[in-house]
Amino acid sequence: MQSSPDIDDRESNDADSDLESDAALWQGFYQGDADSFEALATHFYPVLLRYGVRLVRDKDFAHDCLQDFFIDLWGRRARLENIRSVRTYLLLSYRRRLFREMQSNGWYKFASELDENLEFDGQFSIEIQLIESETKDENLKKLHHHLSLLTKRQREAIYLRFNQELNYDEIAAIMSINHQSAVNLVYEALKFLRKAWFQALLVSFFTLL
């Protein structure tokens, strides 16, 4: 069932309002307002921490890096005037911070290996879009299994697309890939999930016969 124009308009307005709020907090932070910085950190801390934990699967490490990240962010504010998307910038910068800390701690020998060695573990809002039945718990288990079969980069891409609601250019920037690669990662992931989901439904159907 399609959303009514009124609902679509409200969702669009809410998104615009969020962007304006983020931009206002960022501007205050850039100008050295401590209250704006505190509000910005409070708003984005849980978002960034969830992302970091999914990347490194070590909550203490992700937490320590995030604290250092915000401390450094305050010190670098004078160089951060022209930020087009606050959420995208913070996700990208925090991701890079995690990678640098992992390298300095000797977790990985080569930077080029980081993306493929990271275990991206995510819970995805796409579940809501794919599951609308009375057997939700069983379907969630099946979907989690299918998600685990995706590549790590595919899981990260659809997490950014559906949970963080980023566009493909933003995903590309965060993952250090080009626009088409971001599109391909999401497309191939969804194509696999739809195929696996359909096959699972067929198996369930014939089992009942």
Protein backbone atom coordinates (compact mmCIF):
# COMPACT_ATOMS: atom_id res chain seq x y z
CA MET A 1 0.00 0.00 0.00
CA GLN A 2 1.39 3.36 -1.00
CA SER A 3 1.73 6.20 1.49
CA SER A 4 -0.64 9.08 1.14
CA PRO A 5 0.77 12.39 -0.15
CA ASP A 6 0.20 13.90 3.30
CA ILE A 7 2.35 11.23 4.98
CA ASP A 8 5.07 11.57 2.35
CA ASP A 9 5.05 15.33 2.82
CA ARG A 10 5.34 14.99 6.59
CA GLU A 11 8.25 12.55 6.31
CA SER A 12 10.00 14.87 3.87
CA ASN A 13 9.43 17.84 6.13
CA ASP A 14 10.71 15.89 9.14
CA ALA A 15 13.87 14.97 7.24
CA ASP A 16 14.40 18.59 6.19
CA SER A 17 13.83 19.70 9.77
CA ASP A 18 16.41 17.22 11.04
CA LEU A 19 18.95 18.45 8.52
CA GLU A 20 18.31 22.05 9.49
CA SER A 21 18.64 21.18 13.18
CA ASP A 22 21.93 19.36 12.58
CA ALA A 23 23.21 22.27 10.51
CA ALA A 24 22.26 24.76 13.24
CA LEU A 25 24.05 22.74 15.91
CA TRP A 26 27.07 22.37 13.67
CA GLN A 27 27.22 26.10 13.02
CA GLY A 28 27.09 26.80 16.75
CA PHE A 29 29.79 24.20 17.37
CA TYR A 30 31.97 25.70 14.63
CA GLN A 31 31.65 29.10 16.28
CA GLY A 32 32.82 27.63 19.59
CA ASP A 33 29.50 27.32 21.42
CA ALA A 34 29.96 24.55 24.01
CA ASP A 35 26.22 23.95 24.38
CA SER A 36 25.85 23.31 20.65
CA PHE A 37 28.76 20.90 20.76
CA GLU A 38 27.26 19.06 23.73
CA ALA A 39 23.90 18.77 21.95
CA LEU A 40 25.61 17.60 18.76
CA ALA A 41 27.62 14.96 20.62
CA THR A 42 24.60 13.80 22.61
CA HIS A 43 22.54 13.39 19.44
CA PHE A 44 25.14 11.55 17.36
CA TYR A 45 26.99 9.58 20.04
CA PRO A 46 24.62 6.56 20.00
CA VAL A 47 24.44 6.62 16.19
CA LEU A 48 28.21 6.55 15.84
CA LEU A 49 28.74 4.02 18.63
CA ARG A 50 26.31 1.54 17.04
CA TYR A 51 28.11 1.93 13.73
CA GLY A 52 31.53 1.50 15.35
CA VAL A 53 30.49 -1.62 17.26
CA ARG A 54 29.18 -3.16 14.05
CA LEU A 55 32.50 -2.43 12.35
CA VAL A 56 34.92 -3.70 15.00
CA ARG A 57 32.68 -5.86 17.24
CA ASP A 58 34.42 -4.51 20.32
CA LYS A 59 32.24 -2.06 22.26
CA ASP A 60 35.01 -0.87 24.61
CA PHE A 61 37.35 -0.14 21.71
CA ALA A 62 34.63 1.62 19.71
CA HIS A 63 33.63 3.63 22.80
CA ASP A 64 37.20 4.75 23.57
CA CYS A 65 37.78 5.75 19.94
CA LEU A 66 34.53 7.69 19.88
CA GLN A 67 35.42 9.66 23.01
CA ASP A 68 38.80 10.57 21.52
CA PHE A 69 37.09 11.40 18.23
CA PHE A 70 34.81 13.99 19.83
CA ILE A 71 37.68 15.49 21.83
CA ASP A 72 39.68 15.92 18.63
CA LEU A 73 36.61 17.21 16.81
CA TRP A 74 36.29 20.11 19.25
CA GLY A 75 39.94 20.98 18.76
CA ARG A 76 39.61 20.92 14.95
CA ARG A 77 36.36 22.89 14.74
CA ALA A 78 37.99 25.97 13.18
CA ARG A 79 38.80 23.91 10.07
CA LEU A 80 35.32 22.42 9.65
CA GLU A 81 33.17 25.23 8.31
CA ASN A 82 31.94 23.90 4.97
CA ILE A 83 30.36 20.55 5.91
CA ARG A 84 27.41 19.73 3.66
CA SER A 85 26.06 16.75 5.62
CA VAL A 86 26.80 16.52 9.33
CA ARG A 87 25.77 12.87 9.62
CA THR A 88 27.85 11.79 6.63
CA TYR A 89 30.90 13.71 7.81
CA LEU A 90 30.73 12.23 11.31
CA LEU A 91 30.24 8.66 10.08
CA LEU A 92 33.09 8.99 7.61
CA SER A 93 35.48 10.64 10.06
CA TYR A 94 34.72 8.20 12.86
CA ARG A 95 35.19 5.24 10.50
CA ARG A 96 38.62 6.57 9.53
CA ARG A 97 39.47 7.11 13.20
CA LEU A 98 38.64 3.50 13.97
CA PHE A 99 40.83 2.28 11.13
CA ARG A 100 43.77 4.43 12.24
CA GLU A 101 43.50 3.22 15.83
CA MET A 102 43.28 -0.39 14.69
CA GLN A 103 46.42 0.04 12.63
CA SER A 104 48.34 1.77 15.40
CA ASN A 105 47.39 -1.02 17.81
CA GLY A 106 48.67 -3.65 15.39
CA TRP A 107 45.29 -5.22 14.62
CA TYR A 108 46.08 -5.27 10.90
CA LYS A 109 49.33 -5.11 9.00
CA PHE A 110 48.14 -3.39 5.86
CA ALA A 111 45.58 -0.63 5.45
CA SER A 112 44.32 -2.13 2.20
CA GLU A 113 43.18 -5.21 4.10
CA LEU A 114 40.98 -3.36 6.58
CA ASP A 115 37.71 -3.27 4.69
CA GLU A 116 37.73 -6.97 3.88
CA ASN A 117 38.84 -8.10 7.33
CA LEU A 118 36.30 -6.09 9.28
CA GLU A 119 33.38 -8.16 10.52
CA PHE A 120 30.39 -5.93 9.88
CA ASP A 121 27.60 -7.11 12.13
CA GLY A 122 24.33 -5.29 11.65
CA GLN A 123 20.67 -5.27 12.52
CA PHE A 124 18.88 -3.74 9.57
CA SER A 125 15.74 -1.68 9.29
CA ILE A 126 15.24 -3.47 5.97
CA GLU A 127 13.77 -6.24 8.12
CA ILE A 128 10.68 -4.10 8.58
CA GLN A 129 10.30 -3.76 4.83
CA LEU A 130 10.74 -7.45 4.06
CA ILE A 131 8.72 -8.95 6.91
CA GLU A 132 4.99 -8.44 7.31
CA SER A 133 3.60 -11.76 8.54
CA GLU A 134 2.37 -13.44 11.70
CA THR A 135 5.47 -15.67 11.84
CA LYS A 136 7.76 -12.70 12.37
CA ASP A 137 10.20 -14.39 14.78
CA GLU A 138 10.87 -17.28 12.44
CA ASN A 139 11.16 -14.96 9.47
CA LEU A 140 13.65 -12.77 11.35
CA LYS A 141 15.84 -15.80 11.98
CA LYS A 142 15.77 -16.67 8.29
CA LEU A 143 16.52 -13.09 7.30
CA HIS A 144 19.44 -12.86 9.74
CA HIS A 145 20.83 -16.02 8.16
CA HIS A 146 20.51 -14.55 4.67
CA LEU A 147 22.13 -11.30 5.82
CA SER A 148 25.07 -13.26 7.21
CA LEU A 149 25.69 -14.67 3.73
CA LEU A 150 26.26 -11.21 2.26
CA THR A 151 29.79 -9.88 1.96
CA LYS A 152 30.94 -7.56 4.72
CA ARG A 153 30.94 -4.59 2.37
CA GLN A 154 27.42 -5.41 1.18
CA ARG A 155 26.20 -5.54 4.79
CA GLU A 156 27.82 -2.21 5.55
CA ALA A 157 26.38 -0.62 2.41
CA ILE A 158 22.79 -1.65 3.12
CA TYR A 159 23.19 -0.66 6.78
CA LEU A 160 24.19 2.85 5.67
CA ARG A 161 21.42 2.91 3.07
CA PHE A 162 18.51 1.70 5.20
CA ASN A 163 19.49 2.36 8.82
CA GLN A 164 21.28 5.67 8.31
CA GLU A 165 19.17 6.58 5.26
CA LEU A 166 22.16 7.88 3.32
CA ASN A 167 22.20 8.39 -0.43
CA TYR A 168 24.65 6.60 -2.71
CA ASP A 169 27.08 9.50 -2.92
CA GLU A 170 27.25 9.61 0.89
CA ILE A 171 27.75 5.84 1.09
CA ALA A 172 30.49 6.07 -1.51
CA ALA A 173 32.27 8.80 0.43
CA ILE A 174 32.13 6.89 3.72
CA MET A 175 33.29 3.59 2.23
CA SER A 176 35.91 5.22 -0.04
CA ILE A 177 34.39 3.85 -3.24
CA ASN A 178 32.80 5.46 -6.28
CA HIS A 179 29.10 6.13 -6.76
CA GLN A 180 28.48 3.16 -9.07
CA SER A 181 30.21 0.77 -6.70
CA ALA A 182 27.91 1.93 -3.90
CA VAL A 183 24.87 1.39 -6.12
CA ASN A 184 26.14 -2.06 -7.10
CA LEU A 185 26.77 -3.14 -3.52
CA VAL A 186 23.22 -2.26 -2.44
CA TYR A 187 21.63 -3.61 -5.63
CA GLU A 188 23.44 -6.96 -5.47
CA ALA A 189 22.70 -7.31 -1.76
CA LEU A 190 18.98 -6.67 -2.23
CA LYS A 191 18.88 -8.93 -5.28
CA PHE A 192 20.40 -11.76 -3.26
CA LEU A 193 18.06 -11.17 -0.30
CA ARG A 194 14.96 -11.15 -2.48
CA LYS A 195 16.04 -14.36 -4.23
CA ALA A 196 16.92 -16.10 -0.95
CA TRP A 197 13.68 -14.91 0.64
CA PHE A 198 11.58 -16.18 -2.27
CA GLN A 199 13.35 -19.56 -2.20
CA ALA A 200 12.76 -19.83 1.56
CA LEU A 201 9.06 -19.14 1.05
CA LEU A 202 8.89 -21.85 -1.64
CA VAL A 203 10.57 -24.37 0.65
CA SER A 204 8.13 -23.51 3.45
CA PHE A 205 5.18 -23.86 1.08
CA PHE A 206 6.16 -27.28 -0.28
CA THR A 207 6.97 -28.50 3.23
CA LEU A 208 3.34 -27.91 4.16
CA LEU A 209 1.99 -29.95 1.22
